[in-house]
């Protein structure tokens, strides 16, 4: 495991969006239903919310601090950094696959049928 890279500031280029705080763990809904975590295959496939960490100078739709819902898999692998807030994992997302934007941290308790059906069970 690599140690986080210590940085003072990260800037995104062009219209790129960098995010942090993307959650890949399983979830428990208020109804008690357990939804699977992401196993990198078929379980837990769903869009993910992430907080915007940095935006490029050409990005006009999204601001730092907002929360974005990104279609499944439309982000890069994470890069661990250490900034003035502590250890953070940064990812670049595909701006064409941002489904929603929120100014406040959204609750993540929606149900998707992809969470409930494994690909091999569909056939």
N, C-alpha and C. Protein backbone atom coordinates (compact mmCIF):
# COMPACT_ATOMS: atom_id res chain seq x y z
N UNK A 1 0.85 -1.18 0.00
CA UNK A 1 0.00 0.00 0.00
C UNK A 1 0.89 1.23 0.00
N UNK A 2 0.56 2.18 -0.85
CA UNK A 2 1.33 3.41 -0.94
C UNK A 2 0.85 4.41 0.10
N UNK A 3 1.78 5.20 0.58
CA UNK A 3 1.42 6.29 1.50
C UNK A 3 0.80 7.42 0.69
N UNK A 4 -0.13 8.16 1.29
CA UNK A 4 -0.73 9.29 0.56
C UNK A 4 0.32 10.32 0.18
N UNK A 5 0.10 10.96 -0.95
CA UNK A 5 0.98 12.03 -1.43
C UNK A 5 0.58 13.31 -0.72
N UNK A 6 1.54 14.02 -0.14
CA UNK A 6 1.23 15.27 0.54
C UNK A 6 1.18 16.40 -0.48
N UNK A 7 0.06 17.13 -0.49
CA UNK A 7 -0.12 18.23 -1.45
C UNK A 7 -0.71 19.44 -0.72
N UNK A 8 -0.45 20.61 -1.28
CA UNK A 8 -1.05 21.83 -0.76
C UNK A 8 -2.32 22.19 -1.52
N UNK A 9 -2.30 21.94 -2.84
CA UNK A 9 -3.45 22.32 -3.67
C UNK A 9 -3.48 21.42 -4.90
N UNK A 10 -4.69 21.04 -5.30
CA UNK A 10 -4.88 20.29 -6.55
C UNK A 10 -5.84 21.09 -7.40
N UNK A 11 -5.49 21.28 -8.66
CA UNK A 11 -6.36 21.98 -9.61
C UNK A 11 -6.77 21.00 -10.69
N UNK A 12 -8.02 21.03 -11.07
CA UNK A 12 -8.50 20.23 -12.19
C UNK A 12 -8.24 21.01 -13.48
N UNK A 13 -8.07 20.30 -14.57
CA UNK A 13 -7.81 20.92 -15.86
C UNK A 13 -9.09 21.01 -16.68
N UNK A 14 -9.11 21.93 -17.64
CA UNK A 14 -10.21 22.10 -18.60
C UNK A 14 -11.56 22.09 -17.88
N UNK A 15 -12.46 21.17 -18.28
CA UNK A 15 -13.78 21.09 -17.63
C UNK A 15 -13.87 19.86 -16.72
N UNK A 16 -12.72 19.33 -16.29
CA UNK A 16 -12.70 18.12 -15.48
C UNK A 16 -13.25 18.39 -14.08
N UNK A 17 -13.77 17.31 -13.48
CA UNK A 17 -14.29 17.38 -12.12
C UNK A 17 -13.60 16.30 -11.29
N UNK A 18 -13.03 16.69 -10.16
CA UNK A 18 -12.41 15.75 -9.23
C UNK A 18 -13.32 15.63 -8.01
N UNK A 19 -13.51 14.40 -7.53
CA UNK A 19 -14.39 14.16 -6.40
C UNK A 19 -13.67 13.40 -5.30
N UNK A 20 -14.26 13.45 -4.12
CA UNK A 20 -13.78 12.70 -2.97
C UNK A 20 -15.01 12.12 -2.26
N UNK A 21 -14.77 11.33 -1.22
CA UNK A 21 -15.85 10.80 -0.38
C UNK A 21 -16.83 9.90 -1.13
N UNK A 22 -16.36 9.13 -2.11
CA UNK A 22 -17.22 8.18 -2.80
C UNK A 22 -17.29 6.90 -1.96
N UNK A 23 -18.49 6.45 -1.66
CA UNK A 23 -18.70 5.31 -0.76
C UNK A 23 -18.93 4.03 -1.55
N UNK A 24 -18.13 2.99 -1.28
CA UNK A 24 -18.26 1.72 -1.97
C UNK A 24 -18.73 0.60 -1.04
N UNK A 25 -19.09 0.93 0.17
CA UNK A 25 -19.54 -0.07 1.14
C UNK A 25 -21.00 -0.44 0.88
N UNK A 26 -21.45 -1.53 1.52
CA UNK A 26 -22.86 -1.89 1.46
C UNK A 26 -23.68 -0.89 2.26
N UNK A 27 -24.98 -0.98 2.12
CA UNK A 27 -25.86 -0.03 2.81
C UNK A 27 -26.99 -0.78 3.50
N UNK A 28 -27.49 -0.20 4.55
CA UNK A 28 -28.68 -0.72 5.21
C UNK A 28 -29.74 0.36 5.16
N UNK A 29 -30.86 0.05 4.53
CA UNK A 29 -31.94 1.01 4.40
C UNK A 29 -32.69 1.15 5.72
N UNK A 30 -33.45 2.23 5.85
CA UNK A 30 -34.22 2.44 7.08
C UNK A 30 -35.23 1.32 7.29
N UNK A 31 -35.61 0.63 6.21
CA UNK A 31 -36.55 -0.49 6.31
C UNK A 31 -35.87 -1.77 6.79
N UNK A 32 -34.53 -1.75 6.90
CA UNK A 32 -33.79 -2.93 7.34
C UNK A 32 -33.21 -3.76 6.21
N UNK A 33 -33.51 -3.40 4.97
CA UNK A 33 -32.99 -4.15 3.82
C UNK A 33 -31.49 -3.86 3.67
N UNK A 34 -30.70 -4.91 3.49
CA UNK A 34 -29.27 -4.76 3.28
C UNK A 34 -28.97 -4.79 1.80
N UNK A 35 -28.23 -3.79 1.31
CA UNK A 35 -27.81 -3.74 -0.09
C UNK A 35 -26.32 -4.04 -0.14
N UNK A 36 -25.91 -4.84 -1.09
CA UNK A 36 -24.54 -5.29 -1.18
C UNK A 36 -23.56 -4.16 -1.47
N UNK A 37 -22.32 -4.34 -1.01
CA UNK A 37 -21.23 -3.45 -1.37
C UNK A 37 -20.75 -3.81 -2.77
N UNK A 38 -19.85 -3.02 -3.30
CA UNK A 38 -19.32 -3.23 -4.65
C UNK A 38 -18.25 -4.32 -4.61
N UNK A 39 -18.49 -5.44 -5.34
CA UNK A 39 -17.51 -6.53 -5.38
C UNK A 39 -16.68 -6.48 -6.66
N UNK A 40 -16.75 -5.37 -7.40
CA UNK A 40 -16.02 -5.15 -8.65
C UNK A 40 -16.46 -6.08 -9.77
N UNK A 41 -17.60 -6.75 -9.62
CA UNK A 41 -18.14 -7.60 -10.68
C UNK A 41 -19.59 -7.21 -10.94
N UNK A 42 -20.51 -7.82 -10.20
CA UNK A 42 -21.91 -7.53 -10.45
C UNK A 42 -22.66 -7.05 -9.22
N UNK A 43 -22.21 -7.44 -8.02
CA UNK A 43 -22.91 -7.01 -6.81
C UNK A 43 -22.60 -5.54 -6.53
N UNK A 44 -23.60 -4.82 -6.11
CA UNK A 44 -23.40 -3.43 -5.72
C UNK A 44 -23.28 -2.46 -6.87
N UNK A 45 -23.66 -2.89 -8.07
CA UNK A 45 -23.58 -1.99 -9.23
C UNK A 45 -24.70 -0.96 -9.11
N UNK A 46 -24.31 0.29 -8.98
CA UNK A 46 -25.28 1.37 -8.86
C UNK A 46 -24.55 2.70 -8.99
N UNK A 47 -25.26 3.76 -9.25
CA UNK A 47 -24.63 5.09 -9.24
C UNK A 47 -24.13 5.41 -7.84
N UNK A 48 -23.15 6.29 -7.75
CA UNK A 48 -22.57 6.67 -6.46
C UNK A 48 -22.57 8.19 -6.31
N UNK A 49 -22.83 8.64 -5.09
CA UNK A 49 -22.71 10.05 -4.76
C UNK A 49 -21.27 10.34 -4.37
N UNK A 50 -20.76 11.49 -4.72
CA UNK A 50 -19.42 11.92 -4.33
C UNK A 50 -19.42 13.44 -4.19
N UNK A 51 -18.56 13.93 -3.31
CA UNK A 51 -18.46 15.37 -3.12
C UNK A 51 -17.40 15.95 -4.05
N UNK A 52 -17.73 17.06 -4.68
CA UNK A 52 -16.82 17.71 -5.63
C UNK A 52 -15.65 18.31 -4.86
N UNK A 53 -14.43 17.92 -5.24
CA UNK A 53 -13.21 18.36 -4.58
C UNK A 53 -12.57 19.53 -5.34
N UNK A 54 -12.58 19.45 -6.67
CA UNK A 54 -12.01 20.52 -7.50
C UNK A 54 -12.67 20.48 -8.87
N UNK A 55 -12.78 21.64 -9.52
CA UNK A 55 -13.32 21.73 -10.87
C UNK A 55 -12.36 22.54 -11.73
N UNK A 56 -12.32 22.20 -13.01
CA UNK A 56 -11.48 22.93 -13.95
C UNK A 56 -12.06 24.28 -14.29
N UNK A 57 -11.25 25.17 -14.85
CA UNK A 57 -11.69 26.54 -15.15
C UNK A 57 -12.79 26.62 -16.21
N UNK A 58 -12.93 25.59 -17.05
CA UNK A 58 -13.96 25.60 -18.09
C UNK A 58 -15.27 24.97 -17.61
N UNK A 59 -15.31 24.45 -16.40
CA UNK A 59 -16.52 23.81 -15.86
C UNK A 59 -17.43 24.88 -15.28
N UNK A 60 -18.63 25.01 -15.84
CA UNK A 60 -19.55 26.07 -15.41
C UNK A 60 -20.79 25.53 -14.69
N UNK A 61 -21.01 24.23 -14.73
CA UNK A 61 -22.23 23.65 -14.17
C UNK A 61 -22.10 23.19 -12.72
N UNK A 62 -20.89 22.93 -12.27
CA UNK A 62 -20.67 22.31 -10.97
C UNK A 62 -19.66 23.14 -10.18
N UNK A 63 -19.86 23.19 -8.86
CA UNK A 63 -18.97 23.96 -7.98
C UNK A 63 -18.38 23.05 -6.91
N UNK A 64 -17.22 23.43 -6.41
CA UNK A 64 -16.57 22.70 -5.32
C UNK A 64 -17.52 22.67 -4.12
N UNK A 65 -17.61 21.52 -3.48
CA UNK A 65 -18.46 21.36 -2.31
C UNK A 65 -19.81 20.75 -2.61
N UNK A 66 -20.26 20.80 -3.85
CA UNK A 66 -21.53 20.19 -4.21
C UNK A 66 -21.37 18.67 -4.23
N UNK A 67 -22.49 17.97 -4.26
CA UNK A 67 -22.51 16.51 -4.34
C UNK A 67 -23.05 16.13 -5.72
N UNK A 68 -22.42 15.15 -6.37
CA UNK A 68 -22.86 14.69 -7.69
C UNK A 68 -23.14 13.20 -7.65
N UNK A 69 -24.18 12.78 -8.35
CA UNK A 69 -24.49 11.36 -8.53
C UNK A 69 -23.92 10.94 -9.86
N UNK A 70 -22.99 9.97 -9.84
CA UNK A 70 -22.26 9.57 -11.04
C UNK A 70 -22.68 8.15 -11.43
N UNK A 71 -22.95 7.93 -12.72
CA UNK A 71 -23.31 6.60 -13.21
C UNK A 71 -22.22 5.60 -12.86
N UNK A 72 -22.63 4.36 -12.62
CA UNK A 72 -21.70 3.32 -12.17
C UNK A 72 -20.49 3.18 -13.10
N UNK A 73 -19.32 3.19 -12.49
CA UNK A 73 -18.07 2.94 -13.22
C UNK A 73 -17.54 4.11 -14.02
N UNK A 74 -18.15 5.27 -13.91
CA UNK A 74 -17.72 6.42 -14.72
C UNK A 74 -16.78 7.31 -13.92
N UNK A 75 -15.82 6.66 -13.23
CA UNK A 75 -14.81 7.37 -12.46
C UNK A 75 -13.50 6.61 -12.58
N UNK A 76 -12.41 7.30 -12.29
CA UNK A 76 -11.09 6.67 -12.35
C UNK A 76 -10.80 5.98 -11.02
N UNK A 77 -9.74 5.20 -11.02
CA UNK A 77 -9.27 4.63 -9.75
C UNK A 77 -8.84 5.79 -8.86
N UNK A 78 -8.91 5.58 -7.58
CA UNK A 78 -8.59 6.65 -6.65
C UNK A 78 -7.10 6.85 -6.46
N UNK A 79 -6.73 8.08 -6.17
CA UNK A 79 -5.37 8.45 -5.82
C UNK A 79 -5.42 9.01 -4.40
N UNK A 80 -4.65 8.41 -3.51
CA UNK A 80 -4.64 8.87 -2.13
C UNK A 80 -3.73 10.08 -1.97
N UNK A 81 -4.28 11.13 -1.38
CA UNK A 81 -3.48 12.33 -1.10
C UNK A 81 -3.68 12.71 0.35
N UNK A 82 -2.79 13.53 0.85
CA UNK A 82 -2.94 14.12 2.18
C UNK A 82 -2.92 15.63 2.00
N UNK A 83 -4.05 16.27 2.33
CA UNK A 83 -4.11 17.73 2.24
C UNK A 83 -4.30 18.29 3.65
N UNK A 84 -4.69 19.54 3.75
CA UNK A 84 -4.82 20.15 5.07
C UNK A 84 -5.98 19.60 5.89
N UNK A 85 -6.87 18.78 5.27
CA UNK A 85 -7.98 18.17 6.00
C UNK A 85 -7.67 16.74 6.41
N UNK A 86 -6.56 16.17 5.91
CA UNK A 86 -6.20 14.78 6.23
C UNK A 86 -6.08 13.94 4.97
N UNK A 87 -6.21 12.63 5.13
CA UNK A 87 -6.12 11.71 3.99
C UNK A 87 -7.41 11.71 3.19
N UNK A 88 -7.30 11.84 1.87
CA UNK A 88 -8.44 11.90 0.97
C UNK A 88 -8.14 11.04 -0.26
N UNK A 89 -9.14 10.36 -0.78
CA UNK A 89 -9.00 9.64 -2.05
C UNK A 89 -9.70 10.45 -3.12
N UNK A 90 -8.96 10.84 -4.15
CA UNK A 90 -9.47 11.70 -5.23
C UNK A 90 -9.70 10.85 -6.47
N UNK A 91 -10.82 11.10 -7.17
CA UNK A 91 -11.12 10.44 -8.43
C UNK A 91 -11.59 11.49 -9.44
N UNK A 92 -11.27 11.26 -10.71
CA UNK A 92 -11.82 12.10 -11.78
C UNK A 92 -13.05 11.40 -12.30
N UNK A 93 -14.14 12.12 -12.47
CA UNK A 93 -15.37 11.53 -12.98
C UNK A 93 -15.62 11.98 -14.41
N UNK A 94 -16.42 11.20 -15.11
CA UNK A 94 -16.83 11.53 -16.47
C UNK A 94 -17.99 12.52 -16.37
N UNK A 95 -17.78 13.73 -16.79
CA UNK A 95 -18.81 14.77 -16.63
C UNK A 95 -20.06 14.48 -17.45
N UNK A 96 -19.95 13.66 -18.50
CA UNK A 96 -21.12 13.30 -19.29
C UNK A 96 -22.03 12.34 -18.55
N UNK A 97 -21.54 11.72 -17.49
CA UNK A 97 -22.32 10.73 -16.74
C UNK A 97 -22.69 11.20 -15.34
N UNK A 98 -22.75 12.51 -15.15
CA UNK A 98 -23.28 13.06 -13.90
C UNK A 98 -24.80 13.06 -14.04
N UNK A 99 -25.46 12.34 -13.14
CA UNK A 99 -26.91 12.19 -13.23
C UNK A 99 -27.67 13.28 -12.49
N UNK A 100 -27.12 13.72 -11.35
CA UNK A 100 -27.76 14.75 -10.54
C UNK A 100 -26.71 15.54 -9.77
N UNK A 101 -27.09 16.74 -9.33
CA UNK A 101 -26.23 17.59 -8.51
C UNK A 101 -27.05 18.04 -7.31
N UNK A 102 -26.41 18.05 -6.13
CA UNK A 102 -27.08 18.50 -4.92
C UNK A 102 -26.15 19.44 -4.15
N UNK A 103 -26.74 20.46 -3.52
CA UNK A 103 -25.95 21.37 -2.71
C UNK A 103 -25.74 20.84 -1.29
N UNK A 104 -26.54 19.86 -0.89
CA UNK A 104 -26.41 19.25 0.44
C UNK A 104 -26.13 17.76 0.27
N UNK A 105 -25.49 17.17 1.28
CA UNK A 105 -25.17 15.75 1.20
C UNK A 105 -26.46 14.94 1.15
N UNK A 106 -26.67 14.16 0.08
CA UNK A 106 -27.92 13.40 -0.06
C UNK A 106 -27.87 12.11 0.76
N UNK A 107 -29.05 11.63 1.11
CA UNK A 107 -29.11 10.31 1.71
C UNK A 107 -28.97 9.29 0.60
N UNK A 108 -28.38 8.17 0.91
CA UNK A 108 -28.09 7.16 -0.13
C UNK A 108 -28.89 5.90 0.19
N UNK A 109 -30.22 6.02 0.15
CA UNK A 109 -31.04 4.87 0.51
C UNK A 109 -32.06 4.51 -0.57
N UNK A 110 -31.70 4.76 -1.83
CA UNK A 110 -32.57 4.36 -2.92
C UNK A 110 -32.34 2.89 -3.25
N UNK A 111 -33.30 2.26 -3.90
CA UNK A 111 -33.16 0.86 -4.27
C UNK A 111 -33.06 0.76 -5.77
N UNK A 112 -32.07 0.01 -6.22
CA UNK A 112 -31.89 -0.26 -7.65
C UNK A 112 -31.99 -1.75 -7.86
N UNK A 113 -32.65 -2.20 -8.91
CA UNK A 113 -32.76 -3.63 -9.15
C UNK A 113 -31.41 -4.27 -9.42
N UNK A 114 -30.42 -3.48 -9.84
CA UNK A 114 -29.08 -4.03 -10.06
C UNK A 114 -28.45 -4.47 -8.74
N UNK A 115 -28.88 -3.87 -7.63
CA UNK A 115 -28.38 -4.29 -6.31
C UNK A 115 -28.93 -5.65 -5.91
N UNK A 116 -30.07 -6.01 -6.45
CA UNK A 116 -30.78 -7.19 -5.97
C UNK A 116 -30.59 -8.43 -6.84
N UNK A 117 -30.16 -8.26 -8.07
CA UNK A 117 -30.06 -9.39 -8.99
C UNK A 117 -28.63 -9.54 -9.46
N UNK A 118 -28.05 -10.69 -9.25
CA UNK A 118 -26.72 -10.98 -9.76
C UNK A 118 -26.85 -11.32 -11.24
N UNK A 119 -25.89 -10.92 -12.06
CA UNK A 119 -25.96 -11.12 -13.52
C UNK A 119 -26.17 -12.59 -13.87
N UNK A 120 -25.51 -13.52 -13.20
CA UNK A 120 -25.66 -14.94 -13.54
C UNK A 120 -27.04 -15.48 -13.21
N UNK A 121 -27.77 -14.81 -12.26
CA UNK A 121 -29.11 -15.26 -11.90
C UNK A 121 -30.16 -14.77 -12.89
N UNK A 122 -29.83 -13.84 -13.75
CA UNK A 122 -30.81 -13.29 -14.71
C UNK A 122 -31.08 -14.25 -15.86
N UNK A 123 -30.17 -15.16 -16.13
CA UNK A 123 -30.33 -16.03 -17.28
C UNK A 123 -30.92 -17.30 -16.87
